[in-house]
Structures are given as C-alpha cells and as structure tokens.
C-alpha cells in the first residue's frame, strides 16, 4: 500500500507531498454522474456497493494518495432522529428543527452498527479494493449543530446563535449529545477499517473567536481526545480559520486542515511543529489555465516546507463545474514539484 499520506499525517519523512481532494468523489466526474443518474443521493449514500464504487472512481482517474469515504455529514444526524431529505436546489432539509428541551431530549446517540451499517459495509468493501489509505469522516459538533437547529443551510445562523446565547444550558446539552454521536460514529468507522478520520468544521468561521474558544472548542477537544486512543491520524478541517488558528492548534489533532483564505506560510508558522498541515488551494484556481494552476501549486508547496508535514488539498471541496483535466493537472503538479529529491 502507498502509505505516503499516513506518513505525512504523522510528520514522518516522505518521498513526496501526498495529495487528495475534499469531495473528490462527486459531481465534477461524468463517471459519478452516470451512477447518480440512476439513484437519488441518499440511496447512493446508503447502498454500500454504489458508495464504494464512487469512492474508488477518483483514485485511478486523478492518481490521488488517499481515498475518502463517500457519504454525507448529515447521515448521523438522521440516525439521531431527524428526518432528512436532499433537494437539488435547496440542499439538505432536516424536519423538526431542534430549538427546545423537548427537541434535544428527542434526539438519541445512535449505535452506528445498528443504525448506519451501510457506512461500515462501504468501508469494508473499500479496504478490500484500495491501494491507498481510506479516510473516514464526520461533521464536527458545531457544524452538525447548525443543521440540527436551523433545519438546513443558513445565511446568518440566527436560530443557532440565539440558542447559544439565550439558553446556554440547552445548547451545551445538545452539543454534548452531538459530540458523543460523533465519537461513536468515527470510532465505528475506525473499527471497520478507516485508516484516518477527518472532522469537518465547515461553519466554524462564522463564529467570533471568543465564542469559538469558550463555547465550541471544548467539544472539539473532547472528540479529538476520544479518537486519539486509536492508532489512526485525526484531521480537523476548519473552514474560514484565519482568526481561529491560535486556538485550533490546541485541539490535539495530528493534522489541521486550512481553507484558502489564510496564507500557507503564516498558517504553518502559527501551527508549529506539533501538527501536520493540510491544504490549501482555492477550489476556483482549478478553473485557471494549467500553467497558473502549476504556479499556485508550487507556491503552496514552498510555503508549507516549514510545516511538520504537509498534505496538499483544496481549501474546501472541489466544485461541481470543475474540469476533470484541471484536477488531474493539479495532482500531477503536486507529485512533480513536491518530490523530496
């Protein structure tokens, strides 16, 4: 197995910088679209053979150094007891948003083997097929909380912040229940064969640094600490992280994933030698001419040289309209210019 990704996560010596893409199994590939045309999104997530198939597609096409489980961050939220539906134009819709004590009490901490066996079966299938490491994932507690409280996506997260400020006890109870779910979910993924796990904190950047540190970060630390008892790397991706890195670096994760809004050299310096770093090309750069993509790749690789270890990635998920040939060009540039010889 090519274990370059795992070595970089642990800060060990590697022959070249490994690369994978967030959302690398998805709509920008015609091979994915052909599968997706036959089933709805949730069915695809819940059918292990199909989920494994689309997880595998980018490995050979892009030549990336890690695979990520094809699923959705809201799968465990549905298992907690919330009705979930996906609409092409509206995105995810969660029925009965949780905004009261009765709503929090109604949620359960699901047993993954019982309520989400399809996720674990997908992992088992992938481990039999893959020659690169497999990454499992979950939404981070705060990010999942926003969907649970808002009932879907939001522009200002008003209901979430209102609960956080007006009823801190209830908000804490909800966060503790979500955190326990995240720990159970990722622990089950590791037991099934995931060789690294990533926490996606997609909405951390909408918080004031004070609120993130005092209210949200303790739950991040709890989840990371619980997962660190397993011998697999833990990655914590924080979107819009520039104002939060001084706190984020205390989370205990092996790897900190950063978005494109922060300079790689500054992030590497701030994070120090206790973490590897992951990122951070702007996904829209993949619409540029290939020569420009190559220049941007070289810039990030150079700026990450001071980090303990570096896994090249986008600063967020690859966009559906991205030309596949440009994603391939990016991976080729990383492998060419990220060599240690």
Protein backbone atom coordinates (compact mmCIF):
# COMPACT_ATOMS: atom_id res chain seq x y z
CA UNK A 1 0.00 0.00 0.00
CA UNK A 2 1.08 3.57 -0.72
CA UNK A 3 1.22 4.98 2.82
CA UNK A 4 2.72 8.39 1.96
CA UNK A 5 -0.44 10.15 3.14
CA UNK A 6 -0.34 8.45 6.55
CA UNK A 7 3.36 9.25 6.98
CA UNK A 8 2.73 12.91 6.21
CA UNK A 9 -0.12 12.97 8.73
CA UNK A 10 2.27 11.74 11.40
CA UNK A 11 5.07 14.09 10.37
CA UNK A 12 7.31 11.28 9.17
CA UNK A 13 9.75 11.53 6.26
CA UNK A 14 8.12 11.14 2.85
CA UNK A 15 9.46 10.97 -0.71
CA UNK A 16 6.91 13.49 -1.97
CA UNK A 17 3.95 15.58 -0.80
CA UNK A 18 0.76 13.49 -0.89
CA UNK A 19 -2.46 14.94 -2.26
CA UNK A 20 -6.19 14.27 -2.13
CA UNK A 21 -9.23 16.49 -2.69
CA UNK A 22 -12.16 17.17 -0.44
CA UNK A 23 -15.31 15.98 -2.28
CA UNK A 24 -13.07 14.20 -4.76
CA UNK A 25 -15.83 11.64 -5.37
CA UNK A 26 -18.57 13.77 -6.83
CA UNK A 27 -20.44 15.73 -9.44
CA UNK A 28 -17.49 17.05 -11.44
CA UNK A 29 -16.88 13.50 -12.77
CA UNK A 30 -19.03 12.02 -15.53
CA UNK A 31 -18.44 8.56 -14.02
CA UNK A 32 -20.12 9.77 -10.81
CA UNK A 33 -22.95 11.42 -12.73
CA UNK A 34 -23.69 8.14 -14.52
CA UNK A 35 -24.15 6.38 -11.18
CA UNK A 36 -26.06 9.27 -9.63
CA UNK A 37 -28.50 9.41 -12.57
CA UNK A 38 -29.86 6.02 -11.54
CA UNK A 39 -30.45 6.71 -7.82
CA UNK A 40 -31.20 9.62 -5.52
CA UNK A 41 -28.42 10.99 -3.33
CA UNK A 42 -29.46 9.34 -0.05
CA UNK A 43 -29.89 5.98 -1.75
CA UNK A 44 -26.38 6.33 -3.16
CA UNK A 45 -25.02 7.05 0.34
CA UNK A 46 -26.88 4.07 1.79
CA UNK A 47 -26.00 1.48 -0.87
CA UNK A 48 -22.52 0.16 0.03
CA UNK A 49 -21.66 -1.21 -3.40
CA UNK A 50 -22.52 2.10 -5.10
CA UNK A 51 -20.94 4.28 -2.40
CA UNK A 52 -17.75 2.22 -2.69
CA UNK A 53 -17.84 2.48 -6.48
CA UNK A 54 -17.94 6.27 -6.49
CA UNK A 55 -15.34 6.44 -3.70
CA UNK A 56 -12.97 4.46 -5.93
CA UNK A 57 -13.55 6.44 -9.15
CA UNK A 58 -11.17 9.34 -8.43
CA UNK A 59 -8.32 7.13 -7.24
CA UNK A 60 -7.33 5.90 -10.69
CA UNK A 61 -8.59 8.93 -12.61
CA UNK A 62 -6.79 11.54 -10.51
CA UNK A 63 -3.98 9.38 -9.05
CA UNK A 64 -4.53 10.80 -5.55
CA UNK A 65 -2.78 9.41 -2.47
CA UNK A 66 -5.84 8.80 -0.29
CA UNK A 67 -9.49 7.88 -0.69
CA UNK A 68 -12.31 9.37 1.34
CA UNK A 69 -15.49 7.52 2.17
CA UNK A 70 -18.42 8.67 0.03
CA UNK A 71 -21.18 9.75 2.37
CA UNK A 72 -22.68 12.95 3.80
CA UNK A 73 -22.08 14.71 7.10
CA UNK A 74 -25.81 14.58 7.90
CA UNK A 75 -26.10 10.80 7.84
CA UNK A 76 -25.52 10.51 11.62
CA UNK A 77 -27.92 13.40 12.23
CA UNK A 78 -30.67 11.43 10.54
CA UNK A 79 -29.74 8.47 12.75
CA UNK A 80 -30.13 10.73 15.79
CA UNK A 81 -33.82 11.00 14.90
CA UNK A 82 -34.19 13.88 12.43
CA UNK A 83 -35.99 13.39 9.10
CA UNK A 84 -33.54 14.15 6.27
CA UNK A 85 -34.14 14.96 2.61
CA UNK A 86 -31.98 16.44 -0.12
CA UNK A 87 -33.24 18.84 -2.78
CA UNK A 88 -31.11 19.73 -5.79
CA UNK A 89 -31.83 23.46 -5.46
CA UNK A 90 -32.41 23.83 -1.72
CA UNK A 91 -29.77 21.45 -0.38
CA UNK A 92 -30.37 19.38 2.76
CA UNK A 93 -33.65 19.77 4.63
CA UNK A 94 -33.99 18.45 8.18
CA UNK A 95 -37.52 18.09 9.53
CA UNK A 96 -38.45 19.31 13.02
CA UNK A 97 -35.52 21.66 13.76
CA UNK A 98 -34.37 21.31 17.37
CA UNK A 99 -34.91 24.51 19.35
CA UNK A 100 -36.43 23.33 22.64
CA UNK A 101 -35.59 20.99 25.50
CA UNK A 102 -38.15 18.51 24.17
CA UNK A 103 -36.36 18.58 20.84
CA UNK A 104 -32.96 17.91 22.41
CA UNK A 105 -34.42 15.14 24.57
CA UNK A 106 -35.93 13.54 21.49
CA UNK A 107 -32.53 13.04 19.87
CA UNK A 108 -30.68 9.79 20.50
CA UNK A 109 -27.00 8.88 20.42
CA UNK A 110 -27.18 6.20 17.72
CA UNK A 111 -25.28 2.95 17.61
CA UNK A 112 -23.54 3.04 14.24
CA UNK A 113 -23.59 -0.72 13.70
CA UNK A 114 -27.34 -0.81 14.23
CA UNK A 115 -28.47 2.43 12.59
CA UNK A 116 -25.83 3.07 9.91
CA UNK A 117 -24.45 -0.37 8.93
CA UNK A 118 -24.22 0.73 5.29
CA UNK A 119 -21.43 3.16 6.20
CA UNK A 120 -19.38 0.42 7.81
CA UNK A 121 -20.02 -2.02 4.97
CA UNK A 122 -18.84 0.60 2.46
CA UNK A 123 -15.61 0.94 4.44
CA UNK A 124 -15.09 -2.83 4.48
CA UNK A 125 -15.59 -3.05 0.71
CA UNK A 126 -13.17 -0.18 0.11
CA UNK A 127 -10.46 -1.67 2.28
CA UNK A 128 -10.52 -4.78 0.10
CA UNK A 129 -10.10 -2.72 -3.08
CA UNK A 130 -7.87 0.21 -2.18
CA UNK A 131 -4.11 0.53 -2.52
CA UNK A 132 -4.09 3.92 -0.81
CA UNK A 133 -5.31 4.79 2.70
CA UNK A 134 -9.00 5.32 3.40
CA UNK A 135 -10.24 8.40 5.26
CA UNK A 136 -13.45 8.25 7.27
CA UNK A 137 -15.20 11.45 8.30
CA UNK A 138 -17.86 13.24 10.24
CA UNK A 139 -19.09 16.77 10.62
CA UNK A 140 -17.67 18.42 13.72
CA UNK A 141 -20.11 19.01 16.62
CA UNK A 142 -20.68 22.72 15.93
CA UNK A 143 -21.26 22.26 12.21
CA UNK A 144 -23.77 19.47 12.84
CA UNK A 145 -25.48 21.60 15.48
CA UNK A 146 -26.12 24.37 12.94
CA UNK A 147 -28.01 21.98 10.67
CA UNK A 148 -29.94 20.45 13.56
CA UNK A 149 -31.07 23.83 14.89
CA UNK A 150 -31.57 25.67 11.59
CA UNK A 151 -33.17 22.71 9.80
CA UNK A 152 -30.79 23.11 6.87
CA UNK A 153 -28.37 25.65 5.48
CA UNK A 154 -28.44 29.24 6.74
CA UNK A 155 -27.14 32.70 5.89
CA UNK A 156 -26.91 34.13 9.40
CA UNK A 157 -27.40 31.09 11.70
CA UNK A 158 -29.81 33.16 13.77
CA UNK A 159 -31.62 30.27 15.48
CA UNK A 160 -28.33 28.56 16.37
CA UNK A 161 -26.76 31.66 17.86
CA UNK A 162 -29.98 32.57 19.67
CA UNK A 163 -29.94 29.22 21.45
CA UNK A 164 -26.23 29.56 22.20
CA UNK A 165 -26.73 33.00 23.79
CA UNK A 166 -30.24 32.78 25.24
CA UNK A 167 -30.25 29.19 26.51
CA UNK A 168 -26.61 28.15 27.04
CA UNK A 169 -27.56 25.16 29.19
CA UNK A 170 -29.78 23.69 26.50
CA UNK A 171 -27.18 24.43 23.82
CA UNK A 172 -24.49 22.67 25.87
CA UNK A 173 -26.74 19.63 26.33
CA UNK A 174 -27.28 19.47 22.58
CA UNK A 175 -23.56 19.84 21.86
CA UNK A 176 -22.73 17.07 24.32
CA UNK A 177 -25.20 14.73 22.64
CA UNK A 178 -23.81 15.55 19.19
CA UNK A 179 -20.22 15.16 20.39
CA UNK A 180 -21.00 11.72 21.80
CA UNK A 181 -22.57 10.79 18.46
CA UNK A 182 -19.51 11.98 16.52
CA UNK A 183 -17.17 9.99 18.76
CA UNK A 184 -19.25 6.81 18.44
CA UNK A 185 -19.64 7.26 14.69
CA UNK A 186 -15.95 7.78 13.95
CA UNK A 187 -14.88 5.07 16.39
CA UNK A 188 -17.10 2.63 14.49
CA UNK A 189 -15.58 3.77 11.20
CA UNK A 190 -12.10 3.12 12.56
CA UNK A 191 -13.10 -0.33 13.80
CA UNK A 192 -14.48 -1.06 10.31
CA UNK A 193 -11.16 -0.14 8.70
CA UNK A 194 -10.84 3.64 8.24
CA UNK A 195 -7.13 4.47 8.42
CA UNK A 196 -7.58 8.16 9.21
CA UNK A 197 -10.59 10.28 10.16
CA UNK A 198 -11.44 13.90 9.41
CA UNK A 199 -13.72 16.25 11.31
CA UNK A 200 -15.27 18.83 9.01
CA UNK A 201 -15.98 22.13 10.80
CA UNK A 202 -17.42 23.81 7.76
CA UNK A 203 -19.17 26.60 9.69
CA UNK A 204 -16.58 27.35 12.41
CA UNK A 205 -15.62 30.56 10.64
CA UNK A 206 -18.99 32.22 11.27
CA UNK A 207 -18.19 32.34 14.98
CA UNK A 208 -16.47 35.11 16.89
CA UNK A 209 -13.11 33.84 18.20
CA UNK A 210 -14.34 34.29 21.79
CA UNK A 211 -17.42 32.13 21.24
CA UNK A 212 -15.43 29.51 19.35
CA UNK A 213 -12.85 29.21 22.13
CA UNK A 214 -15.16 29.33 25.13
CA UNK A 215 -18.26 27.52 23.88
CA UNK A 216 -17.39 25.33 20.89
CA UNK A 217 -13.75 24.37 21.18
CA UNK A 218 -14.13 22.25 24.36
CA UNK A 219 -16.35 19.86 22.37
CA UNK A 220 -13.77 19.68 19.57
CA UNK A 221 -11.09 18.80 22.11
CA UNK A 222 -13.30 16.13 23.67
CA UNK A 223 -13.94 14.48 20.32
CA UNK A 224 -10.28 14.57 19.27
CA UNK A 225 -9.12 13.24 22.65
CA UNK A 226 -11.53 10.30 22.44
CA UNK A 227 -10.42 9.45 18.91
CA UNK A 228 -6.72 9.73 19.71
CA UNK A 229 -6.88 6.48 21.67
CA UNK A 230 -6.95 4.75 18.28
CA UNK A 231 -3.75 4.44 16.30
CA UNK A 232 -5.02 6.45 13.32
CA UNK A 233 -4.38 10.09 12.36
CA UNK A 234 -7.09 12.61 13.23
CA UNK A 235 -7.58 15.56 10.86
CA UNK A 236 -9.50 18.66 11.92
CA UNK A 237 -10.55 20.86 8.99
CA UNK A 238 -11.64 24.37 9.95
CA UNK A 239 -13.22 26.48 7.22
CA UNK A 240 -12.51 30.23 7.35
CA UNK A 241 -9.95 29.55 10.05
CA UNK A 242 -7.63 32.58 9.90
CA UNK A 243 -8.95 34.16 13.09
CA UNK A 244 -9.12 30.87 14.98
CA UNK A 245 -5.75 29.19 14.42
CA UNK A 246 -4.25 30.22 17.76
CA UNK A 247 -6.99 28.23 19.44
CA UNK A 248 -7.31 25.46 16.83
CA UNK A 249 -3.67 24.43 17.28
CA UNK A 250 -4.51 23.31 20.84
CA UNK A 251 -7.09 20.73 19.67
CA UNK A 252 -4.71 17.76 19.72
CA UNK A 253 -5.35 16.58 16.15
CA UNK A 254 -2.50 15.17 14.09
CA UNK A 255 -3.37 17.34 11.09
CA UNK A 256 -5.00 20.75 10.81
CA UNK A 257 -6.81 21.37 7.53
CA UNK A 258 -6.99 25.02 6.47
CA UNK A 259 -9.02 26.92 3.89
CA UNK A 260 -7.60 29.13 1.13
CA UNK A 261 -8.25 32.44 2.92
CA UNK A 262 -5.13 32.11 5.08
CA UNK A 263 -1.56 32.24 3.77
CA UNK A 264 0.05 28.81 3.98
CA UNK A 265 3.38 30.12 5.32
CA UNK A 266 1.65 32.08 8.09
CA UNK A 267 -0.54 29.10 8.99
CA UNK A 268 2.43 26.72 9.11
CA UNK A 269 4.34 29.12 11.36
CA UNK A 270 1.37 29.60 13.68
CA UNK A 271 0.63 25.88 13.97
CA UNK A 272 4.24 24.99 14.76
CA UNK A 273 5.75 21.52 14.82
CA UNK A 274 3.05 19.68 16.75
CA UNK A 275 0.79 19.26 13.71
CA UNK A 276 0.97 18.48 10.07
CA UNK A 277 -0.97 20.83 7.82
CA UNK A 278 -3.45 20.12 5.04
CA UNK A 279 -4.47 22.43 2.19
CA UNK A 280 -4.99 24.97 0.82
CA UNK A 281 -5.57 25.80 -2.87
CA UNK A 282 -8.64 27.90 -3.65
CA UNK A 283 -11.01 25.48 -5.47
CA UNK A 284 -11.65 28.18 -8.11
CA UNK A 285 -7.98 28.12 -9.13
CA UNK A 286 -8.87 24.86 -10.91
CA UNK A 287 -10.69 26.97 -13.49
CA UNK A 288 -7.46 28.78 -14.39
CA UNK A 289 -5.05 27.83 -17.20
CA UNK A 290 -2.90 24.83 -16.30
CA UNK A 291 0.24 26.97 -16.15
CA UNK A 292 -1.38 29.13 -13.46
CA UNK A 293 -2.53 26.05 -11.53
CA UNK A 294 1.05 24.79 -11.58
CA UNK A 295 2.40 28.12 -10.31
CA UNK A 296 -0.09 28.18 -7.44
CA UNK A 297 0.74 24.60 -6.52
CA UNK A 298 4.45 25.45 -6.39
CA UNK A 299 3.74 28.49 -4.19
CA UNK A 300 1.80 26.44 -1.63
CA UNK A 301 4.37 23.64 -1.63
CA UNK A 302 7.17 26.15 -1.00
CA UNK A 303 5.30 27.90 1.81
CA UNK A 304 4.47 24.58 3.51
CA UNK A 305 8.11 23.47 3.68
CA UNK A 306 8.43 24.65 7.29
CA UNK A 307 5.47 22.52 8.45
CA UNK A 308 6.00 19.25 10.30
CA UNK A 309 4.27 17.52 7.41
CA UNK A 310 2.10 18.64 4.50
CA UNK A 311 -0.84 17.01 2.74
CA UNK A 312 -1.82 19.01 -0.34
CA UNK A 313 -5.54 19.64 -0.74
CA UNK A 314 -8.00 22.28 -1.77
CA UNK A 315 -9.08 24.85 0.79
CA UNK A 316 -12.62 23.44 0.51
CA UNK A 317 -14.48 20.90 -1.60
CA UNK A 318 -13.95 20.68 -5.35
CA UNK A 319 -16.73 22.47 -7.23
CA UNK A 320 -19.13 20.50 -9.46
CA UNK A 321 -18.26 22.54 -12.56
CA UNK A 322 -14.51 21.85 -12.28
CA UNK A 323 -12.87 20.40 -15.43
CA UNK A 324 -11.53 16.96 -14.54
CA UNK A 325 -8.41 17.57 -16.62
CA UNK A 326 -7.55 20.55 -14.42
CA UNK A 327 -7.88 18.47 -11.26
CA UNK A 328 -5.55 15.91 -12.85
CA UNK A 329 -3.10 18.71 -13.73
CA UNK A 330 -3.10 19.88 -10.11
CA UNK A 331 -2.33 16.38 -8.79
CA UNK A 332 0.42 15.94 -11.37
CA UNK A 333 1.96 19.28 -10.35
CA UNK A 334 1.92 18.31 -6.66
CA UNK A 335 3.62 15.00 -7.41
CA UNK A 336 6.18 16.68 -9.68
CA UNK A 337 7.14 19.66 -7.55
CA UNK A 338 6.53 18.07 -4.15
CA UNK A 339 9.30 15.48 -4.51
CA UNK A 340 11.95 15.49 -1.79
CA UNK A 341 14.81 14.53 -4.10
